[in-house]
Amino acid sequence: MDELIVKECPKLEIFSDSEIHAPELKKVCRTGYDKGCWEVDLNTTIRTLNAEKRDTLEELGSLRWKLANLWAPISAEGI
């Protein structure tokens, strides 16, 4: 196995409590289309992917708030 896809697993924090020996594994992807990533080991890689996903969701929430406030004055004016 050289690639692992972890799709629709929001509660997955680690892959295993024990050490995983997968010398051929080169990347872990969230979808079959992203470039994937690899850290020191499988559990660390999954933690990194989760942190990146959290950061992305926080950024999207912030952008949503900014857009709502940007459009609110225009809507209030009736334009």
PDB file of N, CA and C in Angstrom:
ATOM      1  N   MET A   1       0.859  -1.169   0.000  1.00  0.00           N
ATOM      2  CA  MET A   1       0.000   0.000   0.000  1.00  0.00           C
ATOM      3  C   MET A   1       0.902   1.228   0.000  1.00  0.00           C
ATOM      4  N   ASP A   2       0.712   2.107  -0.986  1.00  0.00           N
ATOM      5  CA  ASP A   2       1.528   3.309  -1.045  1.00  0.00           C
ATOM      6  C   ASP A   2       0.706   4.580  -0.835  1.00  0.00           C
ATOM      7  N   GLU A   3      -0.643   4.443  -0.779  1.00  0.00           N
ATOM      8  CA  GLU A   3      -1.524   5.590  -0.605  1.00  0.00           C
ATOM      9  C   GLU A   3      -2.735   5.165   0.215  1.00  0.00           C
ATOM     10  N   LEU A   4      -3.147   6.036   1.130  1.00  0.00           N
ATOM     11  CA  LEU A   4      -4.330   5.783   1.956  1.00  0.00           C
ATOM     12  C   LEU A   4      -5.244   6.983   1.811  1.00  0.00           C
ATOM     13  N   ILE A   5      -6.525   6.729   1.538  1.00  0.00           N
ATOM     14  CA  ILE A   5      -7.505   7.810   1.441  1.00  0.00           C
ATOM     15  C   ILE A   5      -8.399   7.745   2.671  1.00  0.00           C
ATOM     16  N   VAL A   6      -8.430   8.838   3.413  1.00  0.00           N
ATOM     17  CA  VAL A   6      -9.251   8.950   4.614  1.00  0.00           C
ATOM     18  C   VAL A   6     -10.374   9.926   4.270  1.00  0.00           C
ATOM     19  N   LYS A   7     -11.509   9.386   3.862  1.00  0.00           N
ATOM     20  CA  LYS A   7     -12.614  10.210   3.364  1.00  0.00           C
ATOM     21  C   LYS A   7     -13.825  10.056   4.273  1.00  0.00           C
ATOM     22  N   GLU A   8     -14.422  11.208   4.630  1.00  0.00           N
ATOM     23  CA  GLU A   8     -15.625  11.215   5.452  1.00  0.00           C
ATOM     24  C   GLU A   8     -15.413  10.494   6.788  1.00  0.00           C
ATOM     25  N   CYS A   9     -14.304  10.800   7.450  1.00  0.00           N
ATOM     26  CA  CYS A   9     -13.998  10.218   8.758  1.00  0.00           C
ATOM     27  C   CYS A   9     -13.730  11.349   9.754  1.00  0.00           C
ATOM     28  N   PRO A  10     -14.742  12.158  10.073  1.00  0.00           N
ATOM     29  CA  PRO A  10     -14.510  13.337  10.899  1.00  0.00           C
ATOM     30  C   PRO A  10     -14.059  13.047  12.333  1.00  0.00           C
ATOM     31  N   LYS A  11     -14.346  11.866  12.833  1.00  0.00           N
ATOM     32  CA  LYS A  11     -13.965  11.542  14.210  1.00  0.00           C
ATOM     33  C   LYS A  11     -12.652  10.775  14.310  1.00  0.00           C
ATOM     34  N   LEU A  12     -12.043  10.469  13.176  1.00  0.00           N
ATOM     35  CA  LEU A  12     -10.786   9.731  13.180  1.00  0.00           C
ATOM     36  C   LEU A  12      -9.659  10.641  13.657  1.00  0.00           C
ATOM     37  N   GLU A  13      -9.113  10.346  14.817  1.00  0.00           N
ATOM     38  CA  GLU A  13      -8.018  11.149  15.369  1.00  0.00           C
ATOM     39  C   GLU A  13      -6.671  10.465  15.181  1.00  0.00           C
ATOM     40  N   ILE A  14      -6.663   9.155  15.310  1.00  0.00           N
ATOM     41  CA  ILE A  14      -5.464   8.361  15.050  1.00  0.00           C
ATOM     42  C   ILE A  14      -5.892   7.103  14.308  1.00  0.00           C
ATOM     43  N   PHE A  15      -4.952   6.484  13.643  1.00  0.00           N
ATOM     44  CA  PHE A  15      -5.254   5.262  12.905  1.00  0.00           C
ATOM     45  C   PHE A  15      -5.190   4.045  13.822  1.00  0.00           C
ATOM     46  N   SER A  16      -4.214   4.048  14.725  1.00  0.00           N
ATOM     47  CA  SER A  16      -4.025   2.903  15.609  1.00  0.00           C
ATOM     48  C   SER A  16      -3.324   3.339  16.890  1.00  0.00           C
ATOM     49  N   ASP A  17      -3.653   2.675  17.991  1.00  0.00           N
ATOM     50  CA  ASP A  17      -2.964   2.942  19.262  1.00  0.00           C
ATOM     51  C   ASP A  17      -1.541   2.388  19.242  1.00  0.00           C
ATOM     52  N   SER A  18      -1.315   1.412  18.397  1.00  0.00           N
ATOM     53  CA  SER A  18       0.021   0.820  18.319  1.00  0.00           C
ATOM     54  C   SER A  18       0.769   1.370  17.112  1.00  0.00           C
ATOM     55  N   GLU A  19       2.045   1.105  17.060  1.00  0.00           N
ATOM     56  CA  GLU A  19       2.874   1.568  15.954  1.00  0.00           C
ATOM     57  C   GLU A  19       2.529   0.797  14.682  1.00  0.00           C
ATOM     58  N   ILE A  20       2.428   1.516  13.593  1.00  0.00           N
ATOM     59  CA  ILE A  20       2.116   0.916  12.297  1.00  0.00           C
ATOM     60  C   ILE A  20       3.395   0.865  11.469  1.00  0.00           C
ATOM     61  N   HIS A  21       3.670  -0.285  10.905  1.00  0.00           N
ATOM     62  CA  HIS A  21       4.827  -0.418  10.021  1.00  0.00           C
ATOM     63  C   HIS A  21       4.300  -0.534   8.597  1.00  0.00           C
ATOM     64  N   ALA A  22       4.427   0.576   7.851  1.00  0.00           N
ATOM     65  CA  ALA A  22       3.966   0.600   6.460  1.00  0.00           C
ATOM     66  C   ALA A  22       5.020   1.314   5.628  1.00  0.00           C
ATOM     67  N   PRO A  23       6.124   0.631   5.355  1.00  0.00           N
ATOM     68  CA  PRO A  23       7.244   1.289   4.679  1.00  0.00           C
ATOM     69  C   PRO A  23       6.937   1.797   3.272  1.00  0.00           C
ATOM     70  N   GLU A  24       5.945   1.239   2.620  1.00  0.00           N
ATOM     71  CA  GLU A  24       5.609   1.661   1.260  1.00  0.00           C
ATOM     72  C   GLU A  24       4.632   2.842   1.233  1.00  0.00           C
ATOM     73  N   LEU A  25       4.002   3.138   2.378  1.00  0.00           N
ATOM     74  CA  LEU A  25       3.021   4.217   2.428  1.00  0.00           C
ATOM     75  C   LEU A  25       3.720   5.561   2.267  1.00  0.00           C
ATOM     76  N   LYS A  26       3.333   6.308   1.257  1.00  0.00           N
ATOM     77  CA  LYS A  26       3.997   7.574   0.922  1.00  0.00           C
ATOM     78  C   LYS A  26       3.125   8.792   1.178  1.00  0.00           C
ATOM     79  N   LYS A  27       1.788   8.596   1.207  1.00  0.00           N
ATOM     80  CA  LYS A  27       0.921   9.735   1.447  1.00  0.00           C
ATOM     81  C   LYS A  27      -0.450   9.292   1.927  1.00  0.00           C
ATOM     82  N   VAL A  28      -1.112  10.228   2.613  1.00  0.00           N
ATOM     83  CA  VAL A  28      -2.482  10.044   3.067  1.00  0.00           C
ATOM     84  C   VAL A  28      -3.282  11.204   2.474  1.00  0.00           C
ATOM     85  N   CYS A  29      -4.408  10.880   1.860  1.00  0.00           N
ATOM     86  CA  CYS A  29      -5.237  11.885   1.193  1.00  0.00           C
ATOM     87  C   CYS A  29      -6.600  11.977   1.866  1.00  0.00           C
ATOM     88  N   ARG A  30      -7.222  13.153   1.773  1.00  0.00           N
ATOM     89  CA  ARG A  30      -8.596  13.318   2.252  1.00  0.00           C
ATOM     90  C   ARG A  30      -9.596  12.929   1.178  1.00  0.00           C
ATOM     91  N   THR A  31      -9.176  13.022  -0.062  1.00  0.00           N
ATOM     92  CA  THR A  31     -10.006  12.607  -1.192  1.00  0.00           C
ATOM     93  C   THR A  31      -9.087  11.866  -2.161  1.00  0.00           C
ATOM     94  N   GLY A  32      -9.636  11.343  -3.195  1.00  0.00           N
ATOM     95  CA  GLY A  32      -8.798  10.696  -4.195  1.00  0.00           C
ATOM     96  C   GLY A  32      -8.146  11.686  -5.136  1.00  0.00           C
ATOM     97  N   TYR A  33      -8.439  12.987  -4.928  1.00  0.00           N
ATOM     98  CA  TYR A  33      -7.979  14.006  -5.867  1.00  0.00           C
ATOM     99  C   TYR A  33      -6.926  14.958  -5.306  1.00  0.00           C
ATOM    100  N   ASP A  34      -6.799  15.039  -3.982  1.00  0.00           N
ATOM    101  CA  ASP A  34      -5.817  15.968  -3.433  1.00  0.00           C
ATOM    102  C   ASP A  34      -4.420  15.363  -3.467  1.00  0.00           C
ATOM    103  N   LYS A  35      -3.416  16.207  -3.278  1.00  0.00           N
ATOM    104  CA  LYS A  35      -2.031  15.743  -3.391  1.00  0.00           C
ATOM    105  C   LYS A  35      -1.597  14.896  -2.197  1.00  0.00           C
ATOM    106  N   GLY A  36      -2.330  14.976  -1.096  1.00  0.00           N
ATOM    107  CA  GLY A  36      -1.998  14.194   0.079  1.00  0.00           C
ATOM    108  C   GLY A  36      -0.799  14.753   0.818  1.00  0.00           C
ATOM    109  N   CYS A  37      -0.493  14.138   1.933  1.00  0.00           N
ATOM    110  CA  CYS A  37       0.682  14.564   2.692  1.00  0.00           C
ATOM    111  C   CYS A  37       1.237  13.367   3.457  1.00  0.00           C
ATOM    112  N   TRP A  38       2.421  13.534   3.964  1.00  0.00           N
ATOM    113  CA  TRP A  38       3.052  12.506   4.786  1.00  0.00           C
ATOM    114  C   TRP A  38       3.913  13.189   5.827  1.00  0.00           C
ATOM    115  N   GLU A  39       3.743  12.773   7.053  1.00  0.00           N
ATOM    116  CA  GLU A  39       4.560  13.262   8.158  1.00  0.00           C
ATOM    117  C   GLU A  39       5.442  12.102   8.626  1.00  0.00           C
ATOM    118  N   VAL A  40       5.809  12.114   9.862  1.00  0.00           N
ATOM    119  CA  VAL A  40       6.713  11.116  10.435  1.00  0.00           C
ATOM    120  C   VAL A  40       6.126   9.705  10.398  1.00  0.00           C
ATOM    121  N   ASP A  41       4.839   9.608  10.714  1.00  0.00           N
ATOM    122  CA  ASP A  41       4.158   8.315  10.733  1.00  0.00           C
ATOM    123  C   ASP A  41       2.677   8.522  10.420  1.00  0.00           C
ATOM    124  N   LEU A  42       1.941   7.441  10.366  1.00  0.00           N
ATOM    125  CA  LEU A  42       0.537   7.511   9.970  1.00  0.00           C
ATOM    126  C   LEU A  42      -0.301   8.327  10.954  1.00  0.00           C
ATOM    127  N   ASN A  43      -0.137   8.097  12.254  1.00  0.00           N
ATOM    128  CA  ASN A  43      -0.923   8.838  13.234  1.00  0.00           C
ATOM    129  C   ASN A  43      -0.624  10.337  13.186  1.00  0.00           C
ATOM    130  N   THR A  44       0.633  10.705  13.054  1.00  0.00           N
ATOM    131  CA  THR A  44       1.008  12.116  12.962  1.00  0.00           C
ATOM    132  C   THR A  44       0.419  12.735  11.700  1.00  0.00           C
ATOM    133  N   THR A  45       0.433  11.996  10.614  1.00  0.00           N
ATOM    134  CA  THR A  45      -0.133  12.493   9.352  1.00  0.00           C
ATOM    135  C   THR A  45      -1.626  12.748   9.498  1.00  0.00           C
ATOM    136  N   ILE A  46      -2.349  11.849  10.130  1.00  0.00           N
ATOM    137  CA  ILE A  46      -3.790  12.026  10.324  1.00  0.00           C
ATOM    138  C   ILE A  46      -4.055  13.230  11.218  1.00  0.00           C
ATOM    139  N   ARG A  47      -3.259  13.414  12.256  1.00  0.00           N
ATOM    140  CA  ARG A  47      -3.412  14.605  13.110  1.00  0.00           C
ATOM    141  C   ARG A  47      -3.174  15.878  12.306  1.00  0.00           C
ATOM    142  N   THR A  48      -2.178  15.877  11.439  1.00  0.00           N
ATOM    143  CA  THR A  48      -1.878  17.040  10.603  1.00  0.00           C
ATOM    144  C   THR A  48      -3.038  17.342   9.659  1.00  0.00           C
ATOM    145  N   LEU A  49      -3.581  16.318   9.021  1.00  0.00           N
ATOM    146  CA  LEU A  49      -4.724  16.518   8.130  1.00  0.00           C
ATOM    147  C   LEU A  49      -5.914  17.095   8.880  1.00  0.00           C
ATOM    148  N   ASN A  50      -6.163  16.615  10.095  1.00  0.00           N
ATOM    149  CA  ASN A  50      -7.266  17.132  10.896  1.00  0.00           C
ATOM    150  C   ASN A  50      -7.037  18.588  11.270  1.00  0.00           C
ATOM    151  N   ALA A  51      -5.810  18.946  11.626  1.00  0.00           N
ATOM    152  CA  ALA A  51      -5.493  20.332  11.983  1.00  0.00           C
ATOM    153  C   ALA A  51      -5.688  21.240  10.770  1.00  0.00           C
ATOM    154  N   GLU A  52      -5.249  20.786   9.594  1.00  0.00           N
ATOM    155  CA  GLU A  52      -5.433  21.569   8.373  1.00  0.00           C
ATOM    156  C   GLU A  52      -6.913  21.752   8.069  1.00  0.00           C
ATOM    157  N   LYS A  53      -7.696  20.715   8.275  1.00  0.00           N
ATOM    158  CA  LYS A  53      -9.134  20.802   8.015  1.00  0.00           C
ATOM    159  C   LYS A  53      -9.791  21.788   8.980  1.00  0.00           C
ATOM    160  N   ARG A  54      -9.405  21.729  10.271  1.00  0.00           N
ATOM    161  CA  ARG A  54      -9.939  22.676  11.256  1.00  0.00           C
ATOM    162  C   ARG A  54      -9.594  24.110  10.862  1.00  0.00           C
ATOM    163  N   ASP A  55      -8.343  24.340  10.454  1.00  0.00           N
ATOM    164  CA  ASP A  55      -7.918  25.675  10.040  1.00  0.00           C
ATOM    165  C   ASP A  55      -8.735  26.156   8.846  1.00  0.00           C
ATOM    166  N   THR A  56      -8.960  25.279   7.891  1.00  0.00           N
ATOM    167  CA  THR A  56      -9.733  25.638   6.699  1.00  0.00           C
ATOM    168  C   THR A  56     -11.164  25.985   7.073  1.00  0.00           C
ATOM    169  N   LEU A  57     -11.777  25.196   7.949  1.00  0.00           N
ATOM    170  CA  LEU A  57     -13.150  25.471   8.378  1.00  0.00           C
ATOM    171  C   LEU A  57     -13.237  26.786   9.136  1.00  0.00           C
ATOM    172  N   GLU A  58     -12.236  27.096   9.973  1.00  0.00           N
ATOM    173  CA  GLU A  58     -12.221  28.369  10.693  1.00  0.00           C
ATOM    174  C   GLU A  58     -12.090  29.539   9.717  1.00  0.00           C
ATOM    175  N   GLU A  59     -11.240  29.384   8.702  1.00  0.00           N
ATOM    176  CA  GLU A  59     -11.080  30.432   7.693  1.00  0.00           C
ATOM    177  C   GLU A  59     -12.385  30.647   6.929  1.00  0.00           C
ATOM    178  N   LEU A  60     -13.057  29.559   6.576  1.00  0.00           N
ATOM    179  CA  LEU A  60     -14.326  29.685   5.865  1.00  0.00           C
ATOM    180  C   LEU A  60     -15.379  30.375   6.726  1.00  0.00           C
ATOM    181  N   GLY A  61     -15.409  30.055   8.008  1.00  0.00           N
ATOM    182  CA  GLY A  61     -16.347  30.711   8.924  1.00  0.00           C
ATOM    183  C   GLY A  61     -16.070  32.196   9.018  1.00  0.00           C
ATOM    184  N   SER A  62     -14.800  32.559   9.070  1.00  0.00           N
ATOM    185  CA  SER A  62     -14.415  33.967   9.130  1.00  0.00           C
ATOM    186  C   SER A  62     -14.809  34.689   7.843  1.00  0.00           C
ATOM    187  N   LEU A  63     -14.573  34.068   6.701  1.00  0.00           N
ATOM    188  CA  LEU A  63     -14.957  34.675   5.427  1.00  0.00           C
ATOM    189  C   LEU A  63     -16.469  34.836   5.319  1.00  0.00           C
ATOM    190  N   ARG A  64     -17.196  33.857   5.809  1.00  0.00           N
ATOM    191  CA  ARG A  64     -18.659  33.931   5.777  1.00  0.00           C
ATOM    192  C   ARG A  64     -19.144  35.123   6.582  1.00  0.00           C
ATOM    193  N   TRP A  65     -18.558  35.310   7.762  1.00  0.00           N
ATOM    194  CA  TRP A  65     -18.930  36.436   8.622  1.00  0.00           C
ATOM    195  C   TRP A  65     -18.601  37.760   7.930  1.00  0.00           C
ATOM    196  N   LYS A  66     -17.409  37.851   7.329  1.00  0.00           N
ATOM    197  CA  LYS A  66     -17.009  39.078   6.635  1.00  0.00           C
ATOM    198  C   LYS A  66     -17.950  39.383   5.475  1.00  0.00           C
ATOM    199  N   LEU A  67     -18.292  38.378   4.688  1.00  0.00           N
ATOM    200  CA  LEU A  67     -19.200  38.594   3.564  1.00  0.00           C
ATOM    201  C   LEU A  67     -20.585  39.008   4.045  1.00  0.00           C
ATOM    202  N   ALA A  68     -21.076  38.405   5.102  1.00  0.00           N
ATOM    203  CA  ALA A  68     -22.394  38.761   5.638  1.00  0.00           C
ATOM    204  C   ALA A  68     -22.400  40.218   6.076  1.00  0.00           C
ATOM    205  N   ASN A  69     -21.310  40.660   6.717  1.00  0.00           N
ATOM    206  CA  ASN A  69     -21.244  42.051   7.168  1.00  0.00           C
ATOM    207  C   ASN A  69     -21.000  43.013   6.019  1.00  0.00           C
ATOM    208  N   LEU A  70     -20.348  42.562   4.984  1.00  0.00           N
ATOM    209  CA  LEU A  70     -20.130  43.388   3.812  1.00  0.00           C
ATOM    210  C   LEU A  70     -21.452  43.652   3.095  1.00  0.00           C
ATOM    211  N   TRP A  71     -22.280  42.627   2.968  1.00  0.00           N
ATOM    212  CA  TRP A  71     -23.542  42.765   2.255  1.00  0.00           C
ATOM    213  C   TRP A  71     -24.660  43.337   3.105  1.00  0.00           C
ATOM    214  N   ALA A  72     -24.551  43.262   4.415  1.00  0.00           N
ATOM    215  CA  ALA A  72     -25.625  43.739   5.296  1.00  0.00           C
ATOM    216  C   ALA A  72     -25.939  45.216   5.084  1.00  0.00           C
ATOM    217  N   PRO A  73     -24.947  46.119   5.005  1.00  0.00           N
ATOM    218  CA  PRO A  73     -25.278  47.536   4.793  1.00  0.00           C
ATOM    219  C   PRO A  73     -25.984  47.771   3.457  1.00  0.00           C
ATOM    220  N   ILE A  74     -25.609  47.042   2.428  1.00  0.00           N
ATOM    221  CA  ILE A  74     -26.227  47.198   1.121  1.00  0.00           C
ATOM    222  C   ILE A  74     -27.689  46.742   1.188  1.00  0.00           C
ATOM    223  N   SER A  75     -27.935  45.630   1.875  1.00  0.00           N
ATOM    224  CA  SER A  75     -29.298  45.114   2.007  1.00  0.00           C
ATOM    225  C   SER A  75     -30.145  46.075   2.810  1.00  0.00           C
ATOM    226  N   ALA A  76     -29.585  46.698   3.829  1.00  0.00           N
ATOM    227  CA  ALA A  76     -30.319  47.620   4.680  1.00  0.00           C
ATOM    228  C   ALA A  76     -30.716  48.872   3.895  1.00  0.00           C
ATOM    229  N   GLU A  77     -29.933  49.248   2.917  1.00  0.00           N
ATOM    230  CA  GLU A  77     -30.221  50.437   2.110  1.00  0.00           C
ATOM    231  C   GLU A  77     -31.265  50.140   1.042  1.00  0.00           C
ATOM    232  N   GLY A  78     -31.568  48.884   0.834  1.00  0.00           N
ATOM    233  CA  GLY A  78     -32.563  48.511  -0.158  1.00  0.00           C
ATOM    234  C   GLY A  78     -32.042  48.496  -1.577  1.00  0.00           C
ATOM    235  N   ILE A  79     -30.749  48.368  -1.721  1.00  0.00           N
ATOM    236  CA  ILE A  79     -30.160  48.331  -3.074  1.00  0.00           C
ATOM    237  C   ILE A  79     -30.212  46.932  -3.614  1.00  0.00           C
TER     238      ILE A  79
END
